[in-house]
Amino acid sequence: MNKKGADIAIGTIVIIILALVVLVVIIYGFTVGWGNLFQNIVGFGGGQVNVQTVISSCQVSCSTQSVYDYCSKKRNVVFDEKGKGEVFTCEQLEKRTPSVGLSCDSIDCSISESRGLCNGELVTSACESKKDLGRANCEALSVCKWIDEAENQNENIGNCALKEGSSCSSFNDNEDICNELTAFGCEWQAQT
């Protein structure tokens, strides 16, 4: 009878330990980010070479003029299968010797004074408040698009709607536009 009681205690201890491990992984994932968790797990054993993937991501950041993503976002780069990942921003990777073939002439990280995040969630009233006030009034907000009413000949009569995919985070590193959208749910957070 004592043996059965010991088995339950050992089983309970194993379950508690597993629950704690799962809890630690969940807390780490939510605080640091799931991408970082998986990168760290892969980086633990060397991981797969991802240089070309990171370069492609940096080129997209360059072509979309995402200053924060190009100049500040840190990326784990694995150069060979045996090596552990190294952390670079796109700007640092561009200047790395030997060259990896990355170049972006349209972003100058040294003059980027307005670095930061545009946090929050846009509310649809941002655009709806411009209904029937004309295309120019609607499109003055970077997140809005004008929709003409087909049956009405007056070009100032129509709907103003939120552009698909519009979000506050679209304006990371653009403090002026983010501040214009403060009344509609966005909030500027300067990068420290």
C-alpha atoms as a PDB file:
ATOM      1  CA  MET A   1       0.000   0.000   0.000  1.00  0.00           C
ATOM      2  CA  ASN A   2       2.883   2.381   0.684  1.00  0.00           C
ATOM      3  CA  LYS A   3       4.278   1.612  -2.781  1.00  0.00           C
ATOM      4  CA  LYS A   4       1.052   2.771  -4.441  1.00  0.00           C
ATOM      5  CA  GLY A   5       1.164   6.031  -2.493  1.00  0.00           C
ATOM      6  CA  ALA A   6       4.756   6.614  -3.601  1.00  0.00           C
ATOM      7  CA  ASP A   7       3.806   6.087  -7.266  1.00  0.00           C
ATOM      8  CA  ILE A   8       1.123   8.736  -7.026  1.00  0.00           C
ATOM      9  CA  ALA A   9       3.546  11.173  -5.438  1.00  0.00           C
ATOM     10  CA  ILE A  10       6.197  10.592  -8.140  1.00  0.00           C
ATOM     11  CA  GLY A  11       3.566  10.897 -10.881  1.00  0.00           C
ATOM     12  CA  THR A  12       2.309  14.132  -9.345  1.00  0.00           C
ATOM     13  CA  ILE A  13       5.842  15.516  -9.153  1.00  0.00           C
ATOM     14  CA  VAL A  14       6.473  14.671 -12.833  1.00  0.00           C
ATOM     15  CA  ILE A  15       3.220  16.371 -13.850  1.00  0.00           C
ATOM     16  CA  ILE A  16       4.086  19.472 -11.789  1.00  0.00           C
ATOM     17  CA  ILE A  17       7.554  19.667 -13.379  1.00  0.00           C
ATOM     18  CA  LEU A  18       6.105  19.319 -16.899  1.00  0.00           C
ATOM     19  CA  ALA A  19       3.468  21.957 -16.117  1.00  0.00           C
ATOM     20  CA  LEU A  20       6.193  24.341 -14.905  1.00  0.00           C
ATOM     21  CA  VAL A  21       8.244  23.778 -18.078  1.00  0.00           C
ATOM     22  CA  VAL A  22       5.190  24.476 -20.251  1.00  0.00           C
ATOM     23  CA  LEU A  23       4.396  27.568 -18.176  1.00  0.00           C
ATOM     24  CA  VAL A  24       7.956  28.902 -18.569  1.00  0.00           C
ATOM     25  CA  VAL A  25       7.824  28.335 -22.357  1.00  0.00           C
ATOM     26  CA  ILE A  26       4.456  30.121 -22.604  1.00  0.00           C
ATOM     27  CA  ILE A  27       5.643  33.073 -20.503  1.00  0.00           C
ATOM     28  CA  TYR A  28       8.853  33.325 -22.552  1.00  0.00           C
ATOM     29  CA  GLY A  29       6.899  33.141 -25.803  1.00  0.00           C
ATOM     30  CA  PHE A  30       4.504  35.924 -24.819  1.00  0.00           C
ATOM     31  CA  THR A  31       7.162  38.230 -23.365  1.00  0.00           C
ATOM     32  CA  VAL A  32       9.957  37.832 -25.909  1.00  0.00           C
ATOM     33  CA  GLY A  33       7.895  36.738 -28.890  1.00  0.00           C
ATOM     34  CA  TRP A  34       7.190  33.392 -30.479  1.00  0.00           C
ATOM     35  CA  GLY A  35       9.499  34.076 -33.421  1.00  0.00           C
ATOM     36  CA  ASN A  36      12.389  34.692 -31.036  1.00  0.00           C
ATOM     37  CA  LEU A  37      11.538  31.511 -29.135  1.00  0.00           C
ATOM     38  CA  PHE A  38      11.715  29.394 -32.270  1.00  0.00           C
ATOM     39  CA  GLN A  39      14.856  31.206 -33.468  1.00  0.00           C
ATOM     40  CA  ASN A  40      16.510  30.539 -30.115  1.00  0.00           C
ATOM     41  CA  ILE A  41      15.560  26.877 -30.217  1.00  0.00           C
ATOM     42  CA  VAL A  42      16.893  26.536 -33.771  1.00  0.00           C
ATOM     43  CA  GLY A  43      19.932  28.688 -32.896  1.00  0.00           C
ATOM     44  CA  PHE A  44      20.687  26.360 -29.998  1.00  0.00           C
ATOM     45  CA  GLY A  45      21.644  23.585 -32.376  1.00  0.00           C
ATOM     46  CA  GLY A  46      23.187  25.767 -35.057  1.00  0.00           C
ATOM     47  CA  GLY A  47      20.075  26.082 -37.193  1.00  0.00           C
ATOM     48  CA  GLN A  48      19.641  26.381 -40.909  1.00  0.00           C
ATOM     49  CA  VAL A  49      21.385  28.969 -43.023  1.00  0.00           C
ATOM     50  CA  ASN A  50      18.946  31.886 -43.426  1.00  0.00           C
ATOM     51  CA  VAL A  51      21.093  34.648 -44.945  1.00  0.00           C
ATOM     52  CA  GLN A  52      19.099  34.861 -48.178  1.00  0.00           C
ATOM     53  CA  THR A  53      15.786  34.950 -46.296  1.00  0.00           C
ATOM     54  CA  VAL A  54      16.997  37.828 -44.116  1.00  0.00           C
ATOM     55  CA  ILE A  55      18.364  39.693 -47.166  1.00  0.00           C
ATOM     56  CA  SER A  56      14.981  39.316 -48.903  1.00  0.00           C
ATOM     57  CA  SER A  57      13.219  40.640 -45.807  1.00  0.00           C
ATOM     58  CA  CYS A  58      15.606  43.609 -45.680  1.00  0.00           C
ATOM     59  CA  GLN A  59      15.009  44.351 -49.381  1.00  0.00           C
ATOM     60  CA  VAL A  60      11.256  44.426 -48.744  1.00  0.00           C
ATOM     61  CA  SER A  61      11.836  46.834 -45.832  1.00  0.00           C
ATOM     62  CA  CYS A  62      13.915  49.016 -48.154  1.00  0.00           C
ATOM     63  CA  SER A  63      11.394  49.016 -50.998  1.00  0.00           C
ATOM     64  CA  THR A  64       8.487  49.846 -48.648  1.00  0.00           C
ATOM     65  CA  GLN A  65      10.527  52.588 -46.923  1.00  0.00           C
ATOM     66  CA  SER A  66      10.098  50.961 -43.500  1.00  0.00           C
ATOM     67  CA  VAL A  67      12.853  52.830 -41.694  1.00  0.00           C
ATOM     68  CA  TYR A  68      12.304  51.062 -38.388  1.00  0.00           C
ATOM     69  CA  ASP A  69      12.445  47.584 -39.962  1.00  0.00           C
ATOM     70  CA  TYR A  70      15.581  48.453 -41.932  1.00  0.00           C
ATOM     71  CA  CYS A  71      17.516  50.508 -39.392  1.00  0.00           C
ATOM     72  CA  SER A  72      16.455  49.162 -35.993  1.00  0.00           C
ATOM     73  CA  LYS A  73      14.809  45.732 -36.145  1.00  0.00           C
ATOM     74  CA  LYS A  74      17.256  43.052 -35.014  1.00  0.00           C
ATOM     75  CA  ARG A  75      17.406  39.828 -37.024  1.00  0.00           C
ATOM     76  CA  ASN A  76      19.102  36.531 -36.210  1.00  0.00           C
ATOM     77  CA  VAL A  77      21.320  35.600 -39.188  1.00  0.00           C
ATOM     78  CA  VAL A  78      22.848  32.125 -39.554  1.00  0.00           C
ATOM     79  CA  PHE A  79      25.712  32.079 -42.081  1.00  0.00           C
ATOM     80  CA  ASP A  80      26.614  28.379 -41.998  1.00  0.00           C
ATOM     81  CA  GLU A  81      25.031  25.197 -40.680  1.00  0.00           C
ATOM     82  CA  LYS A  82      27.608  24.763 -37.912  1.00  0.00           C
ATOM     83  CA  GLY A  83      27.509  28.370 -36.800  1.00  0.00           C
ATOM     84  CA  LYS A  84      25.295  29.999 -34.262  1.00  0.00           C
ATOM     85  CA  GLY A  85      23.176  32.912 -35.412  1.00  0.00           C
ATOM     86  CA  GLU A  86      24.483  36.467 -35.199  1.00  0.00           C
ATOM     87  CA  VAL A  87      22.215  39.451 -34.575  1.00  0.00           C
ATOM     88  CA  PHE A  88      22.169  42.267 -37.158  1.00  0.00           C
ATOM     89  CA  THR A  89      19.925  45.084 -38.274  1.00  0.00           C
ATOM     90  CA  CYS A  90      19.592  45.369 -42.056  1.00  0.00           C
ATOM     91  CA  GLU A  91      21.810  48.449 -41.951  1.00  0.00           C
ATOM     92  CA  GLN A  92      24.537  46.518 -40.112  1.00  0.00           C
ATOM     93  CA  LEU A  93      24.188  43.561 -42.479  1.00  0.00           C
ATOM     94  CA  GLU A  94      24.576  45.907 -45.458  1.00  0.00           C
ATOM     95  CA  LYS A  95      27.897  47.180 -44.060  1.00  0.00           C
ATOM     96  CA  ARG A  96      29.174  43.714 -43.076  1.00  0.00           C
ATOM     97  CA  THR A  97      32.442  42.469 -44.539  1.00  0.00           C
ATOM     98  CA  PRO A  98      32.479  40.244 -46.515  1.00  0.00           C
ATOM     99  CA  SER A  99      29.499  41.701 -48.334  1.00  0.00           C
ATOM    100  CA  VAL A 100      26.261  39.752 -48.523  1.00  0.00           C
ATOM    101  CA  GLY A 101      25.015  41.762 -51.504  1.00  0.00           C
ATOM    102  CA  LEU A 102      22.511  43.930 -49.640  1.00  0.00           C
ATOM    103  CA  SER A 103      22.123  47.565 -50.613  1.00  0.00           C
ATOM    104  CA  CYS A 104      19.510  50.223 -49.933  1.00  0.00           C
ATOM    105  CA  ASP A 105      20.121  53.724 -51.278  1.00  0.00           C
ATOM    106  CA  SER A 106      16.634  55.001 -50.446  1.00  0.00           C
ATOM    107  CA  ILE A 107      16.964  54.822 -46.628  1.00  0.00           C
ATOM    108  CA  ASP A 108      19.585  56.764 -44.737  1.00  0.00           C
ATOM    109  CA  CYS A 109      19.570  55.453 -41.168  1.00  0.00           C
ATOM    110  CA  SER A 110      21.881  58.212 -39.952  1.00  0.00           C
ATOM    111  CA  ILE A 111      19.280  60.944 -40.564  1.00  0.00           C
ATOM    112  CA  SER A 112      16.294  59.010 -39.300  1.00  0.00           C
ATOM    113  CA  GLU A 113      15.300  61.220 -36.385  1.00  0.00           C
ATOM    114  CA  SER A 114      11.728  60.053 -36.121  1.00  0.00           C
ATOM    115  CA  ARG A 115      12.254  56.485 -34.993  1.00  0.00           C
ATOM    116  CA  GLY A 116       9.520  54.901 -32.997  1.00  0.00           C
ATOM    117  CA  LEU A 117       6.362  52.871 -33.036  1.00  0.00           C
ATOM    118  CA  CYS A 118       2.841  53.896 -33.903  1.00  0.00           C
ATOM    119  CA  ASN A 119       0.771  51.787 -31.497  1.00  0.00           C
ATOM    120  CA  GLY A 120      -2.964  51.325 -31.196  1.00  0.00           C
ATOM    121  CA  GLU A 121      -5.875  50.220 -33.302  1.00  0.00           C
ATOM    122  CA  LEU A 122      -7.609  52.384 -35.884  1.00  0.00           C
ATOM    123  CA  VAL A 123     -11.317  52.897 -35.405  1.00  0.00           C
ATOM    124  CA  THR A 124     -13.475  53.062 -38.540  1.00  0.00           C
ATOM    125  CA  SER A 125     -14.918  56.416 -37.490  1.00  0.00           C
ATOM    126  CA  ALA A 126     -11.597  57.906 -38.631  1.00  0.00           C
ATOM    127  CA  CYS A 127     -12.788  57.718 -42.203  1.00  0.00           C
ATOM    128  CA  GLU A 128     -16.567  57.611 -41.766  1.00  0.00           C
ATOM    129  CA  SER A 129     -16.479  61.131 -40.322  1.00  0.00           C
ATOM    130  CA  LYS A 130     -15.423  62.367 -43.800  1.00  0.00           C
ATOM    131  CA  LYS A 131     -18.519  60.952 -45.566  1.00  0.00           C
ATOM    132  CA  ASP A 132     -19.908  63.296 -48.243  1.00  0.00           C
ATOM    133  CA  LEU A 133     -17.091  65.822 -47.746  1.00  0.00           C
ATOM    134  CA  GLY A 134     -15.283  65.067 -51.010  1.00  0.00           C
ATOM    135  CA  ARG A 135     -12.363  62.949 -52.159  1.00  0.00           C
ATOM    136  CA  ALA A 136      -9.658  65.410 -51.024  1.00  0.00           C
ATOM    137  CA  ASN A 137     -11.032  65.600 -47.467  1.00  0.00           C
ATOM    138  CA  CYS A 138     -11.214  61.832 -47.281  1.00  0.00           C
ATOM    139  CA  GLU A 139      -7.798  61.063 -48.728  1.00  0.00           C
ATOM    140  CA  ALA A 140      -6.164  63.707 -46.526  1.00  0.00           C
ATOM    141  CA  LEU A 141      -6.106  60.883 -43.973  1.00  0.00           C
ATOM    142  CA  SER A 142      -3.457  58.390 -45.078  1.00  0.00           C
ATOM    143  CA  VAL A 143      -5.585  55.438 -44.007  1.00  0.00           C
ATOM    144  CA  CYS A 144      -8.748  56.357 -45.941  1.00  0.00           C
ATOM    145  CA  LYS A 145     -10.001  55.705 -49.465  1.00  0.00           C
ATOM    146  CA  TRP A 146     -12.829  57.507 -51.296  1.00  0.00           C
ATOM    147  CA  ILE A 147     -15.738  55.572 -52.801  1.00  0.00           C
ATOM    148  CA  ASP A 148     -17.942  57.522 -55.253  1.00  0.00           C
ATOM    149  CA  GLU A 149     -21.664  56.884 -55.153  1.00  0.00           C
ATOM    150  CA  ALA A 150     -22.515  55.596 -58.638  1.00  0.00           C
ATOM    151  CA  GLU A 151     -25.996  57.136 -58.844  1.00  0.00           C
ATOM    152  CA  ASN A 152     -24.898  60.605 -57.710  1.00  0.00           C
ATOM    153  CA  GLN A 153     -23.281  63.084 -60.134  1.00  0.00           C
ATOM    154  CA  ASN A 154     -21.860  65.287 -57.352  1.00  0.00           C
ATOM    155  CA  GLU A 155     -18.187  64.351 -56.893  1.00  0.00           C
ATOM    156  CA  ASN A 156     -18.294  65.454 -53.258  1.00  0.00           C
ATOM    157  CA  ILE A 157     -20.972  62.922 -52.352  1.00  0.00           C
ATOM    158  CA  GLY A 158     -19.639  59.493 -51.433  1.00  0.00           C
ATOM    159  CA  ASN A 159     -18.281  57.316 -48.719  1.00  0.00           C
ATOM    160  CA  CYS A 160     -14.938  57.446 -47.024  1.00  0.00           C
ATOM    161  CA  ALA A 161     -13.735  54.028 -45.854  1.00  0.00           C
ATOM    162  CA  LEU A 162     -10.729  52.604 -44.101  1.00  0.00           C
ATOM    163  CA  LYS A 163      -8.192  51.202 -46.599  1.00  0.00           C
ATOM    164  CA  GLU A 164      -7.800  47.443 -46.390  1.00  0.00           C
ATOM    165  CA  GLY A 165      -4.840  46.505 -44.232  1.00  0.00           C
ATOM    166  CA  SER A 166      -4.552  49.966 -42.681  1.00  0.00           C
ATOM    167  CA  SER A 167      -3.161  49.925 -39.190  1.00  0.00           C
ATOM    168  CA  CYS A 168      -1.381  52.247 -36.820  1.00  0.00           C
ATOM    169  CA  SER A 169       1.774  50.147 -37.194  1.00  0.00           C
ATOM    170  CA  SER A 170       1.851  51.065 -40.910  1.00  0.00           C
ATOM    171  CA  PHE A 171       3.219  54.395 -39.688  1.00  0.00           C
ATOM    172  CA  ASN A 172       6.076  53.155 -37.515  1.00  0.00           C
ATOM    173  CA  ASP A 173       8.913  55.661 -37.909  1.00  0.00           C
ATOM    174  CA  ASN A 174       6.509  58.353 -39.136  1.00  0.00           C
ATOM    175  CA  GLU A 175       5.701  60.440 -36.083  1.00  0.00           C
ATOM    176  CA  ASP A 176       3.844  63.156 -38.008  1.00  0.00           C
ATOM    177  CA  ILE A 177       1.251  60.846 -39.564  1.00  0.00           C
ATOM    178  CA  CYS A 178       0.922  58.808 -36.368  1.00  0.00           C
ATOM    179  CA  ASN A 179       0.189  61.992 -34.404  1.00  0.00           C
ATOM    180  CA  GLU A 180      -2.423  63.013 -37.013  1.00  0.00           C
ATOM    181  CA  LEU A 181      -4.222  59.761 -36.221  1.00  0.00           C
ATOM    182  CA  THR A 182      -4.172  60.147 -32.423  1.00  0.00           C
ATOM    183  CA  ALA A 183      -7.880  60.979 -32.342  1.00  0.00           C
ATOM    184  CA  PHE A 184      -8.551  57.740 -34.195  1.00  0.00           C
ATOM    185  CA  GLY A 185      -6.718  55.355 -31.874  1.00  0.00           C
ATOM    186  CA  CYS A 186      -3.016  55.635 -32.717  1.00  0.00           C
ATOM    187  CA  GLU A 187      -0.364  56.646 -30.216  1.00  0.00           C
ATOM    188  CA  TRP A 188       3.291  57.496 -30.922  1.00  0.00           C
ATOM    189  CA  GLN A 189       5.985  55.813 -28.837  1.00  0.00           C
ATOM    190  CA  ALA A 190       9.474  57.175 -29.452  1.00  0.00           C
ATOM    191  CA  GLN A 191      12.253  54.638 -29.766  1.00  0.00           C
ATOM    192  CA  THR A 192      14.672  54.650 -26.877  1.00  0.00           C
END
